Structures are given as C-alpha cells and as structure tokens.
Amino acid sequence: MKDSCVIKSNKYGLSLLLNPEISFEQLVTDVCRKFLDAKEFFGKTELVVSMSGRDLTFEEQEVIIQAIELNSDIKVKLIQENDEITERSMLGKLEKYHFDRINEHAKIIFGDVHTTVHSDLSVVVLGDISEEAEVNSKGNIIVFGKIFGGAHAGAAGNDTQFIVCHSLESDDISIGNHIEEVAIEKSIFKRFKRLKSEGIIIGVWDDSLIAEPLANGLLQEIVSKQ
C-alpha cells in the first residue's frame, strides 16, 4: 500500500484505509496533514467513521479520531466496525474525557523535535523528542514516540501535570518542582509490565516522580486533581 491513509466516502460517512506497514506515529502525522489540507472541503459536520487495513487498539482508534477532530471541523459521532455502528460515547467514556481535556488547548508538533520548545500550553509531539532537544510546557506533554531528550511538564511549578510517551529513554525529566529520577521499579496501581503498544505515563505520586503503564489508572488520578 503506497499511501499511509486513503480517505473514501461511504453511505454513512468516511472510510479510512490505513497502511499497516508504517509506524503508528507516522500514520497519525499523515492523518493530521490530510484532514488539515481538506478542512474547507469537509466543512463543519458530524460523521460516521470506519477504519480498515490495520489492526488498532481502542486507544489507537481514539488517537486517530482526535487527529481528525483537531485538524478539521468534523465531529466523529459514531464508529463503524465490521458493519456494526457503535456510539462513540459508549466506548471508553472516561478515557475520552481525559484525552479531550488534555488536547483542548494544546500545541501540536508534527514530527520529531530537534530543538528547544517552550509553551504555555500542553504540548503534543507526533514523533520523538531527540537527544539534543527539550520540551518545556506549563501544561502536560504527550509524545507519540520516544523521549531521548528533555521533557519538563508543569514548568510553572505545577506538579499536577504529567508526561505521556511510548518509550522513555532519558533521565532529563521533570514535573513541576520535581526533578528527581523517575521511579519505575514499583507499581503504585496494578502493574508496571505493559503491552508493547501501550504508552507510559509519568506523574507525581506521594511526592515522587513515578512511571506507570497508561492503562493502570494513574492518568485518571492525576487529571482529577487538575
């Protein structure tokens, strides 16, 4: 398959044919660009969206939908899977609520970061933070790839912010006034062992920086304090 994402119309809304051979980070980047380029064409509308060509977890489906909604005036109300149409609001209400709050007013960076970035908003990186780079955000930091460089959330001293990434390869991490080493050797909630496709959340718990698999529940606990 040559294109990363092919958009077609159907009797219900839009069908996305997704390339199974590229990285998920590249796929999300390309979806963002395609819908941004076609923003005026689609206009303001509510649609049913189906996805095929690639196996996606629920979390990955939500990221694709967020990529569509953040780069267009489309509101995805329903998801079509295997000829069945399901109300999106019935799928992971809690997870979607948190994700919407994170991304409501966020700076989105397409691709890898190779320099120093400062933002008063939360920052979403559709790629990696390279070793020579640094992201400083007064809000949260979400990295769809790996963190090799610096990531500093809650830069105004707010330790209720958090960092989410696919893989953590750096010690240059801080949240608010907490700059100590991230503790990953213990599980605060369910487990630390995670699926390969599962992200990591880094947050402040019991006055320490800890890392947990994204599905463990730490995200909900932190967001409830914001």
C-alpha atoms as a PDB file:
ATOM      1  CA  MET A   1       0.000   0.000   0.000  1.00  0.00           C
ATOM      2  CA  LYS A   2       1.578   3.265  -1.158  1.00  0.00           C
ATOM      3  CA  ASP A   3      -0.430   5.892   0.749  1.00  0.00           C
ATOM      4  CA  SER A   4      -0.438   5.917   4.538  1.00  0.00           C
ATOM      5  CA  CYS A   5      -4.138   6.789   4.663  1.00  0.00           C
ATOM      6  CA  VAL A   6      -6.748   6.674   1.900  1.00  0.00           C
ATOM      7  CA  ILE A   7      -9.992   8.550   2.610  1.00  0.00           C
ATOM      8  CA  LYS A   8     -13.164   7.396   0.862  1.00  0.00           C
ATOM      9  CA  SER A   9     -16.810   8.272   1.307  1.00  0.00           C
ATOM     10  CA  ASN A  10     -19.490   5.697   2.027  1.00  0.00           C
ATOM     11  CA  LYS A  11     -23.234   5.796   2.648  1.00  0.00           C
ATOM     12  CA  TYR A  12     -22.686   6.554   6.338  1.00  0.00           C
ATOM     13  CA  GLY A  13     -19.697   8.920   6.287  1.00  0.00           C
ATOM     14  CA  LEU A  14     -15.981   8.306   5.754  1.00  0.00           C
ATOM     15  CA  SER A  15     -13.886   5.168   5.377  1.00  0.00           C
ATOM     16  CA  LEU A  16     -10.187   5.301   6.242  1.00  0.00           C
ATOM     17  CA  LEU A  17      -7.951   2.668   4.661  1.00  0.00           C
ATOM     18  CA  LEU A  18      -4.837   2.645   6.849  1.00  0.00           C
ATOM     19  CA  ASN A  19      -1.387   1.429   5.863  1.00  0.00           C
ATOM     20  CA  PRO A  20      -0.347  -1.457   8.164  1.00  0.00           C
ATOM     21  CA  GLU A  21       3.361  -1.196   7.320  1.00  0.00           C
ATOM     22  CA  ILE A  22       4.280   2.272   8.607  1.00  0.00           C
ATOM     23  CA  SER A  23       4.750   3.320  12.232  1.00  0.00           C
ATOM     24  CA  PHE A  24       1.701   4.486  14.150  1.00  0.00           C
ATOM     25  CA  GLU A  25       3.374   7.843  14.793  1.00  0.00           C
ATOM     26  CA  GLN A  26       3.838   8.404  11.041  1.00  0.00           C
ATOM     27  CA  LEU A  27       0.247   7.343  10.411  1.00  0.00           C
ATOM     28  CA  VAL A  28      -1.099   9.890  12.906  1.00  0.00           C
ATOM     29  CA  THR A  29       1.071  12.620  11.392  1.00  0.00           C
ATOM     30  CA  ASP A  30      -0.228  11.856   7.894  1.00  0.00           C
ATOM     31  CA  VAL A  31      -3.862  11.739   9.063  1.00  0.00           C
ATOM     32  CA  CYS A  32      -3.407  15.179  10.657  1.00  0.00           C
ATOM     33  CA  ARG A  33      -2.000  16.621   7.450  1.00  0.00           C
ATOM     34  CA  LYS A  34      -4.637  15.080   5.189  1.00  0.00           C
ATOM     35  CA  PHE A  35      -7.563  16.411   7.214  1.00  0.00           C
ATOM     36  CA  LEU A  36      -5.944  19.813   7.690  1.00  0.00           C
ATOM     37  CA  ASP A  37      -5.486  20.106   3.911  1.00  0.00           C
ATOM     38  CA  ALA A  38      -9.123  19.078   3.350  1.00  0.00           C
ATOM     39  CA  LYS A  39     -10.607  21.166   6.179  1.00  0.00           C
ATOM     40  CA  GLU A  40     -12.537  23.526   3.898  1.00  0.00           C
ATOM     41  CA  PHE A  41     -13.715  20.654   1.701  1.00  0.00           C
ATOM     42  CA  PHE A  42     -15.354  18.745   4.554  1.00  0.00           C
ATOM     43  CA  GLY A  43     -16.646  21.828   6.360  1.00  0.00           C
ATOM     44  CA  LYS A  44     -18.397  21.620   9.717  1.00  0.00           C
ATOM     45  CA  THR A  45     -20.191  18.300  10.009  1.00  0.00           C
ATOM     46  CA  GLU A  46     -20.821  15.190  12.086  1.00  0.00           C
ATOM     47  CA  LEU A  47     -19.805  11.884  10.540  1.00  0.00           C
ATOM     48  CA  VAL A  48     -19.587   8.146  10.994  1.00  0.00           C
ATOM     49  CA  VAL A  49     -16.001   6.937  10.502  1.00  0.00           C
ATOM     50  CA  SER A  50     -14.831   3.424   9.716  1.00  0.00           C
ATOM     51  CA  MET A  51     -11.203   2.243   9.750  1.00  0.00           C
ATOM     52  CA  SER A  52      -9.723  -0.749   7.960  1.00  0.00           C
ATOM     53  CA  GLY A  53      -6.421  -2.114   6.706  1.00  0.00           C
ATOM     54  CA  ARG A  54      -4.718  -2.093  10.085  1.00  0.00           C
ATOM     55  CA  ASP A  55      -5.474  -3.608  13.488  1.00  0.00           C
ATOM     56  CA  LEU A  56      -5.969  -0.825  16.032  1.00  0.00           C
ATOM     57  CA  THR A  57      -6.482  -0.873  19.781  1.00  0.00           C
ATOM     58  CA  PHE A  58      -9.285   1.263  21.209  1.00  0.00           C
ATOM     59  CA  GLU A  59      -6.688   3.792  22.370  1.00  0.00           C
ATOM     60  CA  GLU A  60      -5.176   3.984  18.871  1.00  0.00           C
ATOM     61  CA  GLN A  61      -8.636   4.482  17.352  1.00  0.00           C
ATOM     62  CA  GLU A  62      -9.197   7.376  19.728  1.00  0.00           C
ATOM     63  CA  VAL A  63      -5.871   8.959  18.735  1.00  0.00           C
ATOM     64  CA  ILE A  64      -6.834   8.741  15.039  1.00  0.00           C
ATOM     65  CA  ILE A  65     -10.209  10.332  15.785  1.00  0.00           C
ATOM     66  CA  GLN A  66      -8.555  13.079  17.816  1.00  0.00           C
ATOM     67  CA  ALA A  67      -6.192  13.706  14.893  1.00  0.00           C
ATOM     68  CA  ILE A  68      -9.227  14.149  12.624  1.00  0.00           C
ATOM     69  CA  GLU A  69     -11.127  16.426  15.005  1.00  0.00           C
ATOM     70  CA  LEU A  70      -8.133  18.598  15.930  1.00  0.00           C
ATOM     71  CA  ASN A  71      -7.352  19.295  12.273  1.00  0.00           C
ATOM     72  CA  SER A  72     -10.841  19.794  10.871  1.00  0.00           C
ATOM     73  CA  ASP A  73     -14.350  20.886  11.809  1.00  0.00           C
ATOM     74  CA  ILE A  74     -15.526  17.277  11.760  1.00  0.00           C
ATOM     75  CA  LYS A  75     -17.118  15.753  14.847  1.00  0.00           C
ATOM     76  CA  VAL A  76     -16.920  11.964  14.848  1.00  0.00           C
ATOM     77  CA  LYS A  77     -20.115  10.745  16.474  1.00  0.00           C
ATOM     78  CA  LEU A  78     -20.116   7.076  15.524  1.00  0.00           C
ATOM     79  CA  ILE A  79     -17.575   4.383  14.700  1.00  0.00           C
ATOM     80  CA  GLN A  80     -18.339   1.645  12.187  1.00  0.00           C
ATOM     81  CA  GLU A  81     -16.643  -1.706  12.731  1.00  0.00           C
ATOM     82  CA  ASN A  82     -17.430  -4.947  10.903  1.00  0.00           C
ATOM     83  CA  ASP A  83     -20.681  -3.498   9.522  1.00  0.00           C
ATOM     84  CA  GLU A  84     -21.769  -2.522  13.033  1.00  0.00           C
ATOM     85  CA  ILE A  85     -22.188   1.113  14.030  1.00  0.00           C
ATOM     86  CA  THR A  86     -21.420   1.938  17.646  1.00  0.00           C
ATOM     87  CA  GLU A  87     -21.974   5.170  19.518  1.00  0.00           C
ATOM     88  CA  ARG A  88     -18.565   6.606  20.227  1.00  0.00           C
ATOM     89  CA  SER A  89     -19.798   7.988  23.528  1.00  0.00           C
ATOM     90  CA  MET A  90     -20.326   4.424  24.747  1.00  0.00           C
ATOM     91  CA  LEU A  91     -16.694   3.477  24.118  1.00  0.00           C
ATOM     92  CA  GLY A  92     -14.347   4.412  26.921  1.00  0.00           C
ATOM     93  CA  LYS A  93     -16.185   7.498  28.174  1.00  0.00           C
ATOM     94  CA  LEU A  94     -13.666   8.062  30.931  1.00  0.00           C
ATOM     95  CA  GLU A  95     -10.614   7.741  28.681  1.00  0.00           C
ATOM     96  CA  LYS A  96     -12.079  10.056  26.028  1.00  0.00           C
ATOM     97  CA  TYR A  97     -12.985  12.642  28.670  1.00  0.00           C
ATOM     98  CA  HIS A  98      -9.401  12.793  29.905  1.00  0.00           C
ATOM     99  CA  PHE A  99      -7.962  12.867  26.385  1.00  0.00           C
ATOM    100  CA  ASP A 100     -10.286  15.725  25.382  1.00  0.00           C
ATOM    101  CA  ARG A 101      -9.218  17.747  28.409  1.00  0.00           C
ATOM    102  CA  ILE A 102      -5.549  17.200  27.594  1.00  0.00           C
ATOM    103  CA  ASN A 103      -5.865  18.261  23.966  1.00  0.00           C
ATOM    104  CA  GLU A 104      -8.483  21.008  24.186  1.00  0.00           C
ATOM    105  CA  HIS A 105      -5.843  23.755  24.048  1.00  0.00           C
ATOM    106  CA  ALA A 106      -2.580  22.116  23.025  1.00  0.00           C
ATOM    107  CA  LYS A 107       0.418  22.975  20.875  1.00  0.00           C
ATOM    108  CA  ILE A 108       0.834  20.187  18.305  1.00  0.00           C
ATOM    109  CA  ILE A 109       4.276  19.482  16.837  1.00  0.00           C
ATOM    110  CA  PHE A 110       4.324  17.396  13.659  1.00  0.00           C
ATOM    111  CA  GLY A 111       7.280  15.017  13.551  1.00  0.00           C
ATOM    112  CA  ASP A 112      10.377  14.816  15.751  1.00  0.00           C
ATOM    113  CA  VAL A 113      11.605  17.657  17.958  1.00  0.00           C
ATOM    114  CA  HIS A 114      15.249  18.659  17.376  1.00  0.00           C
ATOM    115  CA  THR A 115      15.422  21.952  19.267  1.00  0.00           C
ATOM    116  CA  THR A 116      14.193  23.580  22.485  1.00  0.00           C
ATOM    117  CA  VAL A 117      10.457  24.239  22.682  1.00  0.00           C
ATOM    118  CA  HIS A 118       8.726  26.447  25.258  1.00  0.00           C
ATOM    119  CA  SER A 119       4.939  26.561  25.540  1.00  0.00           C
ATOM    120  CA  ASP A 120       2.325  27.941  27.921  1.00  0.00           C
ATOM    121  CA  LEU A 121       0.011  25.201  26.606  1.00  0.00           C
ATOM    122  CA  SER A 122       0.141  21.438  26.786  1.00  0.00           C
ATOM    123  CA  VAL A 123       2.356  20.004  24.031  1.00  0.00           C
ATOM    124  CA  VAL A 124       1.542  17.035  21.772  1.00  0.00           C
ATOM    125  CA  VAL A 125       4.530  15.673  19.819  1.00  0.00           C
ATOM    126  CA  LEU A 126       3.709  13.458  16.836  1.00  0.00           C
ATOM    127  CA  GLY A 127       7.170  11.920  16.851  1.00  0.00           C
ATOM    128  CA  ASP A 128      10.205  11.692  19.162  1.00  0.00           C
ATOM    129  CA  ILE A 129      11.965  14.215  21.367  1.00  0.00           C
ATOM    130  CA  SER A 130      15.530  13.800  20.128  1.00  0.00           C
ATOM    131  CA  GLU A 131      18.566  13.659  22.394  1.00  0.00           C
ATOM    132  CA  GLU A 132      19.603  17.267  21.716  1.00  0.00           C
ATOM    133  CA  ALA A 133      16.052  18.612  22.136  1.00  0.00           C
ATOM    134  CA  GLU A 134      13.991  19.780  25.086  1.00  0.00           C
ATOM    135  CA  VAL A 135      10.277  20.451  25.550  1.00  0.00           C
ATOM    136  CA  ASN A 136       9.210  22.805  28.337  1.00  0.00           C
ATOM    137  CA  SER A 137       5.464  23.070  28.893  1.00  0.00           C
ATOM    138  CA  LYS A 138       3.389  24.742  31.579  1.00  0.00           C
ATOM    139  CA  GLY A 139       0.827  22.027  30.879  1.00  0.00           C
ATOM    140  CA  ASN A 140       1.104  18.336  30.025  1.00  0.00           C
ATOM    141  CA  ILE A 141       3.408  16.707  27.452  1.00  0.00           C
ATOM    142  CA  ILE A 142       2.213  13.869  25.211  1.00  0.00           C
ATOM    143  CA  VAL A 143       4.784  12.195  22.961  1.00  0.00           C
ATOM    144  CA  PHE A 144       3.597   9.585  20.472  1.00  0.00           C
ATOM    145  CA  GLY A 145       7.185   8.379  20.037  1.00  0.00           C
ATOM    146  CA  LYS A 146      10.195   8.143  22.342  1.00  0.00           C
ATOM    147  CA  ILE A 147      11.744  10.671  24.701  1.00  0.00           C
ATOM    148  CA  PHE A 148      15.531  10.791  24.245  1.00  0.00           C
ATOM    149  CA  GLY A 149      15.971  14.425  25.330  1.00  0.00           C
ATOM    150  CA  GLY A 150      14.424  16.684  27.942  1.00  0.00           C
ATOM    151  CA  ALA A 151      10.733  16.796  28.858  1.00  0.00           C
ATOM    152  CA  HIS A 152       9.605  19.250  31.520  1.00  0.00           C
ATOM    153  CA  ALA A 153       5.870  19.490  32.251  1.00  0.00           C
ATOM    154  CA  GLY A 154       4.230  21.864  34.714  1.00  0.00           C
ATOM    155  CA  ALA A 155       7.079  24.300  34.060  1.00  0.00           C
ATOM    156  CA  ALA A 156       5.413  26.964  36.213  1.00  0.00           C
ATOM    157  CA  GLY A 157       5.826  24.743  39.280  1.00  0.00           C
ATOM    158  CA  ASN A 158       2.584  22.778  38.844  1.00  0.00           C
ATOM    159  CA  ASP A 159       3.178  19.168  39.889  1.00  0.00           C
ATOM    160  CA  THR A 160      -0.347  18.050  38.908  1.00  0.00           C
ATOM    161  CA  GLN A 161       0.719  17.902  35.243  1.00  0.00           C
ATOM    162  CA  PHE A 162       2.035  14.743  33.568  1.00  0.00           C
ATOM    163  CA  ILE A 163       4.042  13.307  30.686  1.00  0.00           C
ATOM    164  CA  VAL A 164       2.857  10.504  28.398  1.00  0.00           C
ATOM    165  CA  CYS A 165       5.140   8.751  25.905  1.00  0.00           C
ATOM    166  CA  HIS A 166       5.540   5.465  24.080  1.00  0.00           C
ATOM    167  CA  SER A 167       9.037   4.911  25.457  1.00  0.00           C
ATOM    168  CA  LEU A 168      11.245   6.746  27.962  1.00  0.00           C
ATOM    169  CA  GLU A 169      14.958   6.778  27.079  1.00  0.00           C
ATOM    170  CA  SER A 170      16.045   9.840  29.080  1.00  0.00           C
ATOM    171  CA  ASP A 171      16.802  10.916  32.642  1.00  0.00           C
ATOM    172  CA  ASP A 172      16.135  14.584  31.827  1.00  0.00           C
ATOM    173  CA  ILE A 173      12.550  14.553  33.092  1.00  0.00           C
ATOM    174  CA  SER A 174      10.764  16.888  35.472  1.00  0.00           C
ATOM    175  CA  ILE A 175       7.237  17.793  36.513  1.00  0.00           C
ATOM    176  CA  GLY A 176       6.676  20.996  38.436  1.00  0.00           C
ATOM    177  CA  ASN A 177       9.432  21.234  41.024  1.00  0.00           C
ATOM    178  CA  HIS A 178      10.170  17.501  40.915  1.00  0.00           C
ATOM    179  CA  ILE A 179      13.404  16.787  39.041  1.00  0.00           C
ATOM    180  CA  GLU A 180      14.476  13.552  40.707  1.00  0.00           C
ATOM    181  CA  GLU A 181      14.949  10.208  38.958  1.00  0.00           C
ATOM    182  CA  VAL A 182      11.738   8.604  37.725  1.00  0.00           C
ATOM    183  CA  ALA A 183      10.825   5.534  39.785  1.00  0.00           C
ATOM    184  CA  ILE A 184       9.727   2.628  37.597  1.00  0.00           C
ATOM    185  CA  GLU A 185      10.710  -0.292  39.792  1.00  0.00           C
ATOM    186  CA  LYS A 186       7.442  -0.372  41.715  1.00  0.00           C
ATOM    187  CA  SER A 187       3.794  -0.352  40.747  1.00  0.00           C
ATOM    188  CA  ILE A 188       1.526   2.129  42.500  1.00  0.00           C
ATOM    189  CA  PHE A 189      -1.621   0.756  40.924  1.00  0.00           C
ATOM    190  CA  LYS A 190      -1.938  -2.542  39.015  1.00  0.00           C
ATOM    191  CA  ARG A 191       1.349  -3.372  37.307  1.00  0.00           C
ATOM    192  CA  PHE A 192       4.358  -1.980  35.525  1.00  0.00           C
ATOM    193  CA  LYS A 193       4.686  -4.722  32.916  1.00  0.00           C
ATOM    194  CA  ARG A 194       2.923  -3.372  29.851  1.00  0.00           C
ATOM    195  CA  LEU A 195       1.952  -4.282  26.313  1.00  0.00           C
ATOM    196  CA  LYS A 196       4.364  -3.196  23.562  1.00  0.00           C
ATOM    197  CA  SER A 197       1.721  -0.898  22.088  1.00  0.00           C
ATOM    198  CA  GLU A 198       0.862   0.640  25.454  1.00  0.00           C
ATOM    199  CA  GLY A 199       2.101   4.053  26.479  1.00  0.00           C
ATOM    200  CA  ILE A 200       3.742   5.173  29.719  1.00  0.00           C
ATOM    201  CA  ILE A 201       2.543   7.969  31.979  1.00  0.00           C
ATOM    202  CA  ILE A 202       4.944   9.834  34.250  1.00  0.00           C
ATOM    203  CA  GLY A 203       3.456  11.784  37.115  1.00  0.00           C
ATOM    204  CA  VAL A 204       3.921  12.889  40.702  1.00  0.00           C
ATOM    205  CA  TRP A 205       2.609  10.478  43.320  1.00  0.00           C
ATOM    206  CA  ASP A 206       3.413  10.562  47.034  1.00  0.00           C
ATOM    207  CA  ASP A 207       5.777  13.469  46.310  1.00  0.00           C
ATOM    208  CA  SER A 208       7.864  11.384  43.868  1.00  0.00           C
ATOM    209  CA  LEU A 209       8.098  11.009  40.097  1.00  0.00           C
ATOM    210  CA  ILE A 210       6.798   7.606  39.013  1.00  0.00           C
ATOM    211  CA  ALA A 211       6.142   5.882  35.686  1.00  0.00           C
ATOM    212  CA  GLU A 212       3.218   3.523  35.116  1.00  0.00           C
ATOM    213  CA  PRO A 213       1.577   1.801  32.121  1.00  0.00           C
ATOM    214  CA  LEU A 214      -1.020   4.188  30.733  1.00  0.00           C
ATOM    215  CA  ALA A 215      -3.950   1.861  31.475  1.00  0.00           C
ATOM    216  CA  ASN A 216      -3.142   1.491  35.176  1.00  0.00           C
ATOM    217  CA  GLY A 217      -5.230   4.411  36.383  1.00  0.00           C
ATOM    218  CA  LEU A 218      -2.598   6.997  37.280  1.00  0.00           C
ATOM    219  CA  LEU A 219      -3.799   9.304  34.478  1.00  0.00           C
ATOM    220  CA  GLN A 220      -7.314   9.464  35.907  1.00  0.00           C
ATOM    221  CA  GLU A 221      -5.968  10.115  39.395  1.00  0.00           C
ATOM    222  CA  ILE A 222      -3.752  12.984  38.238  1.00  0.00           C
ATOM    223  CA  VAL A 223      -6.347  14.594  35.952  1.00  0.00           C
ATOM    224  CA  SER A 224      -8.879  14.564  38.786  1.00  0.00           C
ATOM    225  CA  LYS A 225      -6.526  16.874  40.714  1.00  0.00           C
ATOM    226  CA  GLN A 226      -6.057  19.372  37.880  1.00  0.00           C
END
